Amino acid sequence: MTILVIAEHNNTTLNPATFNTLTAAQKIGGDVHILVAGHNAQSVASAAVKIPGVAKVLLADAPQLADGVAENIELTVLGVADRYTHVLAPATAYGKNALPRIAAKLDVAQISDIIAVDSADTFQRPIYAGNAIATVQSFDPIKVITVRSTAFDAAAREGGNAALDTIAAAPASELTHFLSRETAKLERPELTTANVIVAGGRGLGSKENFESVLAPLADALNAAVGASRAAVDAGYASNIYQVGQTGKIVAPRLYIAIGISGAIQHLAGMKDSHVIVAINKDADAPIFSVADYGLVGDLFEVVPELVKALH
C-alpha cells in the first residue's frame, strides 16, 4: 500500500495544510510519497524530503505547472496514479479544484473532507453542515481523498530523509490557459493558520463599524480577522475573510465571535476551535450553544472595554 500526497505550495514553500494532510496519510499506513508539481520548485522538494515519515518525493518541474492549474496538475498525477492505492490532497481550494478531475478520470468516487481515518478503506467525514458524521467505506482500487486540515495535527517539518525522484510533467492542457491571479495582501495572520481569530457578523451594522470595532482587538491579540457569511453578503468584509461551510474552515486556539448569531453554516466552519468566546446582545443566539465563554451585551460597549483591558 502506497499513498500519494499532492503538495500544495507556491513554488517556494509548502502550504501548512500539506503537513496536516501528511498526518492523515500516515494514519492510513504504508509508504507515503509526496508529489511536488510546480516550476522552479526545487526548494519545495528540498523541504519535503526532510519531513519524517515520507519515503519518497516526486518532483515534476515544468512551466505549465507554475500556477497550479487543475487541468495540468490532473494530467501529471494521472501519469503516476496507477502506482498508488490512495491519492490525497488538502481540502483547500487547490485540492477541491484538482482532485475531482483526477477521480473522474480514474472512474472512482472521491471521498471529500475527511476528519478521521478508521482504516485504509474507511473514513469519517462531516455532513449536514457538520451536524452529523458519516462513516464512508470505499472499495475503489485507488481512493481519491481530500483532507480537512483542521482535523489532523501537522506533521513535523524536520527529521526525515526521503528519496527525491524527478518525473516528467504531462504536456499542458489545451483546454485551459492561465491568464492572471489577483492575490489579496493581508497585514494580519492568514485565517487558516492563525492561532487567534476575531470574527464579526451582521450585528456590527456597517463596513465602517466592522473595521473600527474589530481592528483594535485583532491588533491587540495579533489575530486574524474573520467574518460570517451574513457580514460578507452585506458588504462589510471581503469574502476572503469568510468563515463557514461556504468559506474557510478554521480551528484556532481562540475564536472570538462578535455580533455573530451562529447560523449552522458558520458554526460548521469554526466549532472545532479550541476556545470559543461569543459576544452578542441576544441571549438566545445559537452561537452561545458552542461557546466556551459567552458575554451578553452591546458589542459597541464590550469590545472597546476588552481592548482597554488588553492594553
Protein backbone atom coordinates (compact mmCIF):
# COMPACT_ATOMS: atom_id res chain seq x y z
CA MET A 1 0.00 0.00 0.00
CA THR A 2 1.49 3.30 -1.16
CA ILE A 3 -0.06 6.72 -0.70
CA LEU A 4 0.50 9.83 -2.82
CA VAL A 5 0.03 13.25 -1.24
CA ILE A 6 -0.22 16.12 -3.70
CA ALA A 7 1.63 19.03 -2.11
CA GLU A 8 0.07 22.47 -2.14
CA HIS A 9 2.73 25.17 -2.47
CA ASN A 10 3.63 28.49 -4.08
CA ASN A 11 6.82 27.19 -5.77
CA THR A 12 8.80 28.44 -2.78
CA THR A 13 7.26 26.99 0.38
CA LEU A 14 4.79 24.26 1.29
CA ASN A 15 1.32 25.32 2.33
CA PRO A 16 0.75 24.41 6.02
CA ALA A 17 -2.30 22.31 5.07
CA THR A 18 0.04 19.86 3.33
CA PHE A 19 1.57 18.89 6.68
CA ASN A 20 -1.86 18.09 8.12
CA THR A 21 -2.67 16.03 5.03
CA LEU A 22 0.55 14.07 5.55
CA THR A 23 -0.57 13.16 9.06
CA ALA A 24 -3.80 11.76 7.62
CA ALA A 25 -1.79 9.79 5.05
CA GLN A 26 0.42 8.32 7.75
CA LYS A 27 -2.66 7.19 9.68
CA ILE A 28 -3.75 5.17 6.65
CA GLY A 29 -0.48 3.22 6.77
CA GLY A 30 2.01 2.15 4.14
CA ASP A 31 4.62 4.19 2.32
CA VAL A 32 3.88 7.88 1.86
CA HIS A 33 5.10 9.75 -1.22
CA ILE A 34 4.74 13.48 -1.94
CA LEU A 35 4.25 14.96 -5.39
CA VAL A 36 5.61 18.48 -5.83
CA ALA A 37 4.22 19.74 -9.14
CA GLY A 38 5.38 23.24 -9.96
CA HIS A 39 8.04 25.31 -11.69
CA ASN A 40 11.40 26.25 -10.18
CA ALA A 41 10.11 24.44 -7.11
CA GLN A 42 13.34 22.75 -6.03
CA SER A 43 13.20 24.49 -2.65
CA VAL A 44 9.76 22.96 -2.02
CA ALA A 45 11.07 19.48 -2.85
CA SER A 46 14.09 20.05 -0.61
CA ALA A 47 11.78 20.88 2.28
CA ALA A 48 9.55 17.88 1.54
CA VAL A 49 12.38 15.33 1.77
CA LYS A 50 13.03 16.42 5.37
CA ILE A 51 9.52 15.53 6.58
CA PRO A 52 9.58 12.45 8.84
CA GLY A 53 7.56 9.51 7.57
CA VAL A 54 7.89 10.41 3.90
CA ALA A 55 9.55 7.68 1.84
CA LYS A 56 9.86 9.48 -1.49
CA VAL A 57 9.36 12.91 -3.04
CA LEU A 58 8.41 13.18 -6.71
CA LEU A 59 9.33 16.47 -8.36
CA ALA A 60 7.57 17.42 -11.59
CA ASP A 61 9.02 20.75 -12.66
CA ALA A 62 7.72 22.49 -15.78
CA PRO A 63 6.39 25.93 -16.79
CA GLN A 64 2.84 24.62 -17.27
CA LEU A 65 2.74 23.62 -13.60
CA ALA A 66 3.83 27.00 -12.26
CA ASP A 67 0.36 28.32 -11.47
CA GLY A 68 -1.34 25.20 -10.14
CA VAL A 69 -3.86 24.96 -12.98
CA ALA A 70 -6.06 21.98 -12.11
CA GLU A 71 -6.09 20.53 -15.63
CA ASN A 72 -2.29 20.43 -15.76
CA ILE A 73 -1.93 19.03 -12.24
CA GLU A 74 -4.50 16.37 -13.13
CA LEU A 75 -2.63 15.20 -16.22
CA THR A 76 0.66 14.89 -14.33
CA VAL A 77 -0.97 12.98 -11.45
CA LEU A 78 -2.70 10.59 -13.86
CA GLY A 79 0.72 9.70 -15.24
CA VAL A 80 1.73 8.13 -11.91
CA ALA A 81 -1.62 7.34 -10.25
CA ASP A 82 -1.57 3.63 -11.10
CA ARG A 83 1.37 3.19 -8.69
CA TYR A 84 -0.75 4.21 -5.69
CA THR A 85 -3.63 2.91 -3.58
CA HIS A 86 -4.54 6.38 -2.28
CA VAL A 87 -4.23 9.92 -3.65
CA LEU A 88 -4.66 12.70 -1.07
CA ALA A 89 -4.70 16.50 -1.11
CA PRO A 90 -5.79 19.20 1.35
CA ALA A 91 -9.47 20.17 1.23
CA THR A 92 -8.49 23.70 0.22
CA ALA A 93 -9.39 25.50 -2.99
CA TYR A 94 -6.33 23.83 -4.54
CA GLY A 95 -7.34 20.28 -3.60
CA LYS A 96 -11.02 20.83 -4.29
CA ASN A 97 -10.11 22.07 -7.74
CA ALA A 98 -7.79 19.27 -8.83
CA LEU A 99 -8.95 16.06 -7.14
CA PRO A 100 -12.48 15.81 -8.58
CA ARG A 101 -10.96 15.82 -12.06
CA ILE A 102 -8.49 13.11 -11.05
CA ALA A 103 -11.23 10.97 -9.52
CA ALA A 104 -13.41 11.34 -12.61
CA LYS A 105 -10.59 10.32 -14.95
CA LEU A 106 -9.78 7.33 -12.73
CA ASP A 107 -13.51 6.45 -12.66
CA VAL A 108 -13.60 6.30 -8.86
CA ALA A 109 -15.69 8.09 -6.24
CA GLN A 110 -13.96 10.92 -4.42
CA ILE A 111 -14.13 10.93 -0.61
CA SER A 112 -14.26 14.57 0.42
CA ASP A 113 -13.20 16.47 3.51
CA ILE A 114 -12.30 13.56 5.79
CA ILE A 115 -11.82 14.27 9.50
CA ALA A 116 -10.71 10.81 10.68
CA VAL A 117 -9.15 7.60 9.35
CA ASP A 118 -10.71 4.38 10.65
CA SER A 119 -8.77 2.06 8.34
CA ALA A 120 -7.20 2.02 4.91
CA ASP A 121 -10.63 1.94 3.26
CA THR A 122 -12.89 3.58 5.87
CA PHE A 123 -13.04 7.26 6.73
CA GLN A 124 -15.19 9.77 8.58
CA ARG A 125 -16.47 12.99 7.05
CA PRO A 126 -18.96 15.64 8.21
CA ILE A 127 -22.34 16.01 6.52
CA TYR A 128 -25.31 18.35 7.05
CA ALA A 129 -23.03 21.29 7.87
CA GLY A 130 -21.18 19.21 10.44
CA ASN A 131 -24.28 18.19 12.38
CA ALA A 132 -23.70 14.53 11.54
CA ILE A 133 -20.62 12.45 10.82
CA ALA A 134 -20.75 9.86 8.03
CA THR A 135 -18.52 6.79 8.05
CA VAL A 136 -17.63 6.03 4.45
CA GLN A 137 -16.06 2.81 3.14
CA SER A 138 -14.60 2.61 -0.34
CA PHE A 139 -13.68 -0.49 -2.35
CA ASP A 140 -12.27 1.51 -5.27
CA PRO A 141 -8.78 0.35 -6.31
CA ILE A 142 -7.49 3.93 -5.95
CA LYS A 143 -9.01 6.07 -3.24
CA VAL A 144 -9.06 9.79 -4.02
CA ILE A 145 -9.42 11.83 -0.83
CA THR A 146 -9.42 15.44 0.31
CA VAL A 147 -8.45 16.08 3.94
CA ARG A 148 -9.84 18.70 6.30
CA SER A 149 -6.59 20.11 7.65
CA THR A 150 -8.06 21.34 10.94
CA ALA A 151 -8.96 17.76 11.91
CA PHE A 152 -5.34 16.49 11.91
CA ASP A 153 -2.19 17.67 13.64
CA ALA A 154 0.57 18.95 11.38
CA ALA A 155 3.42 16.58 10.57
CA ALA A 156 6.89 17.54 11.76
CA ARG A 157 8.98 19.54 9.30
CA GLU A 158 12.42 18.16 10.13
CA GLY A 159 14.00 14.78 10.75
CA GLY A 160 13.22 12.83 7.58
CA ASN A 161 15.47 11.78 4.74
CA ALA A 162 13.25 10.82 1.81
CA ALA A 163 14.49 9.91 -1.64
CA LEU A 164 14.00 12.53 -4.34
CA ASP A 165 12.94 11.46 -7.84
CA THR A 166 12.34 13.72 -10.81
CA ILE A 167 9.41 12.76 -13.02
CA ALA A 168 8.24 14.14 -16.34
CA ALA A 169 5.39 16.63 -16.31
CA ALA A 170 2.49 16.00 -18.66
CA PRO A 171 2.08 18.42 -21.57
CA ALA A 172 -0.07 21.46 -20.89
CA SER A 173 -3.81 21.09 -21.30
CA GLU A 174 -5.16 22.71 -24.45
CA LEU A 175 -8.49 23.45 -22.77
CA THR A 176 -7.34 25.89 -20.12
CA HIS A 177 -4.85 28.75 -20.10
CA PHE A 178 -3.71 30.69 -17.07
CA LEU A 179 -4.27 34.42 -17.55
CA SER A 180 -3.68 36.18 -14.23
CA ARG A 181 -4.05 35.94 -10.48
CA GLU A 182 -5.05 38.65 -8.04
CA THR A 183 -3.88 37.90 -4.52
CA ALA A 184 -5.01 39.91 -1.54
CA LYS A 185 -2.17 41.04 0.71
CA LEU A 186 -3.07 40.57 4.35
CA GLU A 187 -1.46 42.65 7.06
CA ARG A 188 -2.66 40.21 9.71
CA PRO A 189 -2.22 36.42 10.02
CA GLU A 190 -3.95 34.19 7.47
CA LEU A 191 -7.24 32.73 8.66
CA THR A 192 -6.50 29.04 8.25
CA THR A 193 -3.18 29.19 10.11
CA ALA A 194 -3.92 31.82 12.78
CA ASN A 195 -3.84 30.91 16.48
CA VAL A 196 -6.36 33.65 17.29
CA ILE A 197 -9.28 34.84 15.16
CA VAL A 198 -11.55 37.81 15.81
CA ALA A 199 -14.67 37.43 13.67
CA GLY A 200 -17.53 39.83 13.07
CA GLY A 201 -21.11 39.37 11.93
CA ARG A 202 -24.10 41.34 10.76
CA GLY A 203 -24.52 42.75 14.27
CA LEU A 204 -21.72 45.22 13.53
CA GLY A 205 -24.12 47.10 11.29
CA SER A 206 -21.77 48.54 8.66
CA LYS A 207 -18.45 48.16 6.89
CA GLU A 208 -17.08 51.11 8.87
CA ASN A 209 -18.07 49.53 12.18
CA PHE A 210 -16.62 46.20 11.10
CA GLU A 211 -13.20 47.78 10.70
CA SER A 212 -13.29 50.23 13.59
CA VAL A 213 -14.56 47.71 16.16
CA LEU A 214 -12.63 44.59 15.14
CA ALA A 215 -9.29 46.07 14.09
CA PRO A 216 -8.16 47.32 17.55
CA LEU A 217 -8.99 43.98 19.17
CA ALA A 218 -7.32 41.99 16.39
CA ASP A 219 -4.22 44.18 16.65
CA ALA A 220 -4.07 43.76 20.43
CA LEU A 221 -4.23 39.97 20.08
CA ASN A 222 -2.16 39.68 16.87
CA ALA A 223 -5.21 37.93 15.48
CA ALA A 224 -6.60 37.20 12.05
CA VAL A 225 -9.92 38.81 11.14
CA GLY A 226 -12.86 36.68 10.05
CA ALA A 227 -16.44 37.32 9.02
CA SER A 228 -19.73 35.50 8.87
CA ARG A 229 -21.42 34.96 5.52
CA ALA A 230 -24.09 37.47 6.52
CA ALA A 231 -21.41 40.13 7.05
CA VAL A 232 -19.80 39.31 3.72
CA ASP A 233 -23.13 39.35 1.87
CA ALA A 234 -23.93 42.72 3.45
CA GLY A 235 -20.65 44.12 2.11
CA TYR A 236 -18.98 44.61 5.48
CA ALA A 237 -15.97 42.46 4.54
CA SER A 238 -14.39 40.73 1.56
CA ASN A 239 -15.18 37.05 1.00
CA ILE A 240 -11.52 36.21 1.70
CA TYR A 241 -12.44 36.68 5.38
CA GLN A 242 -15.49 34.41 5.32
CA VAL A 243 -15.58 31.60 7.85
CA GLY A 244 -18.08 28.79 7.42
CA GLN A 245 -19.26 25.93 5.27
CA THR A 246 -19.03 28.10 2.15
CA GLY A 247 -15.93 29.93 3.40
CA LYS A 248 -12.87 28.76 5.27
CA ILE A 249 -12.77 26.02 7.89
CA VAL A 250 -10.74 27.13 10.89
CA ALA A 251 -9.73 25.72 14.27
CA PRO A 252 -7.64 28.33 16.09
CA ARG A 253 -6.73 28.21 19.77
CA LEU A 254 -9.04 31.17 20.38
CA TYR A 255 -12.06 32.25 18.29
CA ILE A 256 -13.90 35.42 19.30
CA ALA A 257 -17.29 35.78 17.61
CA ILE A 258 -18.61 39.34 17.77
CA GLY A 259 -22.13 40.12 16.63
CA ILE A 260 -22.46 36.68 15.04
CA SER A 261 -25.78 34.93 15.66
CA GLY A 262 -24.41 31.46 14.88
CA ALA A 263 -26.09 30.18 11.74
CA ILE A 264 -25.44 26.50 11.02
CA GLN A 265 -23.22 27.25 8.04
CA HIS A 266 -20.99 29.49 10.18
CA LEU A 267 -20.77 27.01 13.06
CA ALA A 268 -19.65 24.34 10.60
CA GLY A 269 -16.54 26.39 9.89
CA MET A 270 -15.40 27.24 13.41
CA LYS A 271 -16.90 24.96 16.05
CA ASP A 272 -13.69 22.90 16.29
CA SER A 273 -11.84 25.94 17.68
CA HIS A 274 -10.15 25.14 20.99
CA VAL A 275 -11.77 28.03 22.91
CA ILE A 276 -14.77 29.98 21.60
CA VAL A 277 -15.82 33.35 23.04
CA ALA A 278 -19.14 34.83 21.91
CA ILE A 279 -20.29 38.42 22.32
CA ASN A 280 -23.91 39.09 21.36
CA LYS A 281 -26.79 41.14 22.72
CA ASP A 282 -29.24 38.28 22.09
CA ALA A 283 -29.00 35.79 24.95
CA ASP A 284 -30.76 33.17 22.80
CA ALA A 285 -28.33 33.41 19.86
CA PRO A 286 -27.27 29.94 18.65
CA ILE A 287 -23.60 30.92 18.89
CA PHE A 288 -23.83 30.51 22.66
CA SER A 289 -24.57 26.79 22.21
CA VAL A 290 -20.98 26.19 21.08
CA ALA A 291 -19.24 28.95 23.04
CA ASP A 292 -16.98 28.16 25.98
CA TYR A 293 -17.48 31.71 27.24
CA GLY A 294 -20.46 33.89 26.40
CA LEU A 295 -20.98 37.56 27.09
CA VAL A 296 -24.47 39.04 26.57
CA GLY A 297 -24.11 42.73 25.93
CA ASP A 298 -23.75 45.58 23.46
CA LEU A 299 -20.67 44.81 21.37
CA PHE A 300 -20.05 48.54 20.82
CA GLU A 301 -19.51 48.88 24.56
CA VAL A 302 -17.98 45.50 25.36
CA VAL A 303 -15.28 45.31 22.67
CA PRO A 304 -13.68 48.72 23.43
CA GLU A 305 -13.57 47.72 27.10
CA LEU A 306 -11.78 44.49 26.15
CA VAL A 307 -9.25 46.45 24.11
CA LYS A 308 -8.61 48.79 27.05
CA ALA A 309 -8.11 45.81 29.37
CA LEU A 310 -5.61 44.24 26.96
CA HIS A 311 -3.57 47.42 26.86
